[in-house]
């Protein structure tokens, strides 16, 4: 997954000039932008220190999730979710270490609403968060339904 992310970033960085884009549909463009910040360009204009801050966060997340996935008894679904986090975090971490910014190339917009550009690594992380939410809700519902079972006197 990290390789797919890096190959896509390399392809779009070499195909589309920095700061420009190609209209694919009325609501989707392929672009080439660099994001020195986090999601939604948070801290993008912070003056440079954020590069090291986001690298540190990326290292902690990638190592922490990898360690937790390998050391804990987790079900296969949890391991796949962890792999998505590691792939997404790792893909963007590579960019930050190499150039201080993340290459974004997917651009969605509709009726005056414009979503910040993003990349495959971002999709992995968002998919992992959504999967963890679904898993958490499922476990919560299972726990609630078990606690509501009537006690049997034996």
Protein backbone atom coordinates (compact mmCIF):
# COMPACT_ATOMS: atom_id res chain seq x y z
CA UNK A 1 0.00 0.00 0.00
CA UNK A 2 2.89 2.36 0.77
CA UNK A 3 4.40 1.53 -2.62
CA UNK A 4 1.10 2.29 -4.38
CA UNK A 5 0.89 5.63 -2.56
CA UNK A 6 4.47 6.57 -3.42
CA UNK A 7 4.11 5.48 -7.06
CA UNK A 8 0.95 7.56 -7.46
CA UNK A 9 2.60 10.61 -5.89
CA UNK A 10 5.66 10.22 -8.12
CA UNK A 11 3.49 9.81 -11.20
CA UNK A 12 1.38 12.91 -10.56
CA UNK A 13 4.37 15.00 -9.44
CA UNK A 14 6.13 14.13 -12.71
CA UNK A 15 3.03 14.49 -14.90
CA UNK A 16 1.33 17.65 -13.59
CA UNK A 17 3.21 20.89 -13.00
CA UNK A 18 3.28 22.04 -9.37
CA UNK A 19 0.27 24.24 -8.65
CA UNK A 20 -1.70 23.20 -11.72
CA UNK A 21 -4.24 20.53 -12.50
CA UNK A 22 -6.26 18.60 -15.04
CA UNK A 23 -10.05 18.70 -15.00
CA UNK A 24 -11.37 15.14 -15.14
CA UNK A 25 -15.06 15.86 -14.45
CA UNK A 26 -17.07 18.88 -13.35
CA UNK A 27 -16.44 17.83 -9.73
CA UNK A 28 -13.01 16.11 -9.82
CA UNK A 29 -9.54 17.30 -10.80
CA UNK A 30 -6.09 15.76 -10.74
CA UNK A 31 -3.69 18.33 -9.30
CA UNK A 32 -0.15 18.66 -8.02
CA UNK A 33 0.10 20.54 -4.74
CA UNK A 34 2.41 20.32 -1.74
CA UNK A 35 1.00 20.43 1.78
CA UNK A 36 3.46 21.36 4.53
CA UNK A 37 0.67 21.08 7.11
CA UNK A 38 -1.58 18.31 8.31
CA UNK A 39 -5.15 17.51 7.23
CA UNK A 40 -6.88 20.56 5.75
CA UNK A 41 -3.45 22.28 5.67
CA UNK A 42 -3.47 22.80 9.44
CA UNK A 43 -0.20 24.55 10.44
CA UNK A 44 0.89 24.81 6.80
CA UNK A 45 2.12 28.37 7.36
CA UNK A 46 3.74 27.73 10.75
CA UNK A 47 7.23 28.72 9.65
CA UNK A 48 8.97 25.37 9.14
CA UNK A 49 9.01 23.81 12.61
CA UNK A 50 5.90 21.81 11.74
CA UNK A 51 7.95 19.56 9.43
CA UNK A 52 9.75 18.04 12.40
CA UNK A 53 6.59 18.01 14.50
CA UNK A 54 4.65 16.05 11.87
CA UNK A 55 7.62 13.73 11.25
CA UNK A 56 7.74 12.96 14.98
CA UNK A 57 3.98 12.30 15.09
CA UNK A 58 4.24 10.09 12.00
CA UNK A 59 7.08 8.04 13.48
CA UNK A 60 5.21 7.57 16.78
CA UNK A 61 2.00 6.53 14.99
CA UNK A 62 3.68 4.13 12.54
CA UNK A 63 5.84 2.48 15.21
CA UNK A 64 3.06 2.47 17.82
CA UNK A 65 0.40 0.95 15.58
CA UNK A 66 2.86 -1.58 14.14
CA UNK A 67 3.98 -2.62 17.62
CA UNK A 68 0.40 -2.81 18.92
CA UNK A 69 -0.72 -4.88 15.94
CA UNK A 70 2.16 -7.32 16.28
CA UNK A 71 2.24 -7.66 20.05
CA UNK A 72 -1.44 -7.70 20.96
CA UNK A 73 -3.87 -10.44 20.18
CA UNK A 74 -6.00 -8.74 17.61
CA UNK A 75 -8.49 -10.16 15.19
CA UNK A 76 -7.67 -10.09 11.46
CA UNK A 77 -9.96 -7.11 10.88
CA UNK A 78 -8.08 -5.03 13.48
CA UNK A 79 -4.78 -5.97 11.86
CA UNK A 80 -6.06 -4.81 8.47
CA UNK A 81 -7.18 -1.52 9.99
CA UNK A 82 -3.75 -1.15 11.59
CA UNK A 83 -2.13 -1.85 8.23
CA UNK A 84 -4.17 0.98 6.69
CA UNK A 85 -2.96 3.38 9.39
CA UNK A 86 0.65 2.30 8.96
CA UNK A 87 0.43 2.54 5.16
CA UNK A 88 -1.20 5.96 5.19
CA UNK A 89 0.98 7.36 7.94
CA UNK A 90 4.08 5.80 6.42
CA UNK A 91 3.36 7.11 2.93
CA UNK A 92 2.95 10.68 4.13
CA UNK A 93 5.91 10.29 6.51
CA UNK A 94 8.17 9.41 3.58
CA UNK A 95 7.09 12.62 1.81
CA UNK A 96 7.74 14.75 4.90
CA UNK A 97 11.20 13.27 5.43
CA UNK A 98 12.15 13.64 1.75
CA UNK A 99 10.82 17.11 1.01
CA UNK A 100 9.11 18.57 4.09
CA UNK A 101 5.71 18.43 2.42
CA UNK A 102 3.13 15.86 1.36
CA UNK A 103 2.25 15.52 -2.33
CA UNK A 104 -1.53 15.79 -2.83
CA UNK A 105 -3.16 15.12 -6.19
CA UNK A 106 -6.88 14.33 -5.77
CA UNK A 107 -9.17 17.37 -5.79
CA UNK A 108 -12.95 17.22 -5.22
CA UNK A 109 -15.37 20.12 -5.58
CA UNK A 110 -19.11 20.48 -6.03
CA UNK A 111 -21.44 23.50 -6.21
CA UNK A 112 -19.04 25.93 -4.63
CA UNK A 113 -17.85 23.46 -2.00
CA UNK A 114 -14.19 22.58 -2.33
CA UNK A 115 -12.53 19.74 -0.42
CA UNK A 116 -8.78 20.19 0.22
CA UNK A 117 -6.60 18.13 -2.11
CA UNK A 118 -5.59 14.73 -0.76
CA UNK A 119 -3.80 11.52 -1.73
CA UNK A 120 -3.99 7.73 -1.44
CA UNK A 121 -2.28 7.72 1.97
CA UNK A 122 -5.00 10.04 3.27
CA UNK A 123 -7.65 7.66 1.94
CA UNK A 124 -5.99 4.80 3.84
CA UNK A 125 -6.05 6.76 7.10
CA UNK A 126 -9.67 7.89 6.68
CA UNK A 127 -10.74 4.35 5.79
CA UNK A 128 -8.98 3.08 8.93
CA UNK A 129 -10.69 5.65 11.14
CA UNK A 130 -14.09 4.77 9.68
CA UNK A 131 -13.40 1.05 10.09
CA UNK A 132 -12.34 1.57 13.72
CA UNK A 133 -15.51 3.55 14.38
CA UNK A 134 -17.63 0.77 12.88
CA UNK A 135 -15.73 -1.85 14.88
CA UNK A 136 -16.13 0.18 18.08
CA UNK A 137 -19.87 0.59 17.50
CA UNK A 138 -20.20 -3.12 16.77
CA UNK A 139 -18.37 -4.04 19.98
CA UNK A 140 -20.42 -1.52 21.95
CA UNK A 141 -23.67 -2.96 20.60
CA UNK A 142 -22.53 -6.50 21.37
CA UNK A 143 -21.55 -5.50 24.90
CA UNK A 144 -24.87 -3.72 25.44
CA UNK A 145 -26.92 -6.63 24.13
CA UNK A 146 -25.03 -9.12 26.36
CA UNK A 147 -25.52 -6.97 29.46
CA UNK A 148 -29.26 -6.73 28.78
CA UNK A 149 -29.78 -10.49 28.72
CA UNK A 150 -31.91 -11.69 31.64
CA UNK A 151 -30.04 -13.49 34.36
CA UNK A 152 -30.88 -17.13 34.80
CA UNK A 153 -31.06 -18.57 38.27
CA UNK A 154 -29.29 -21.88 38.52
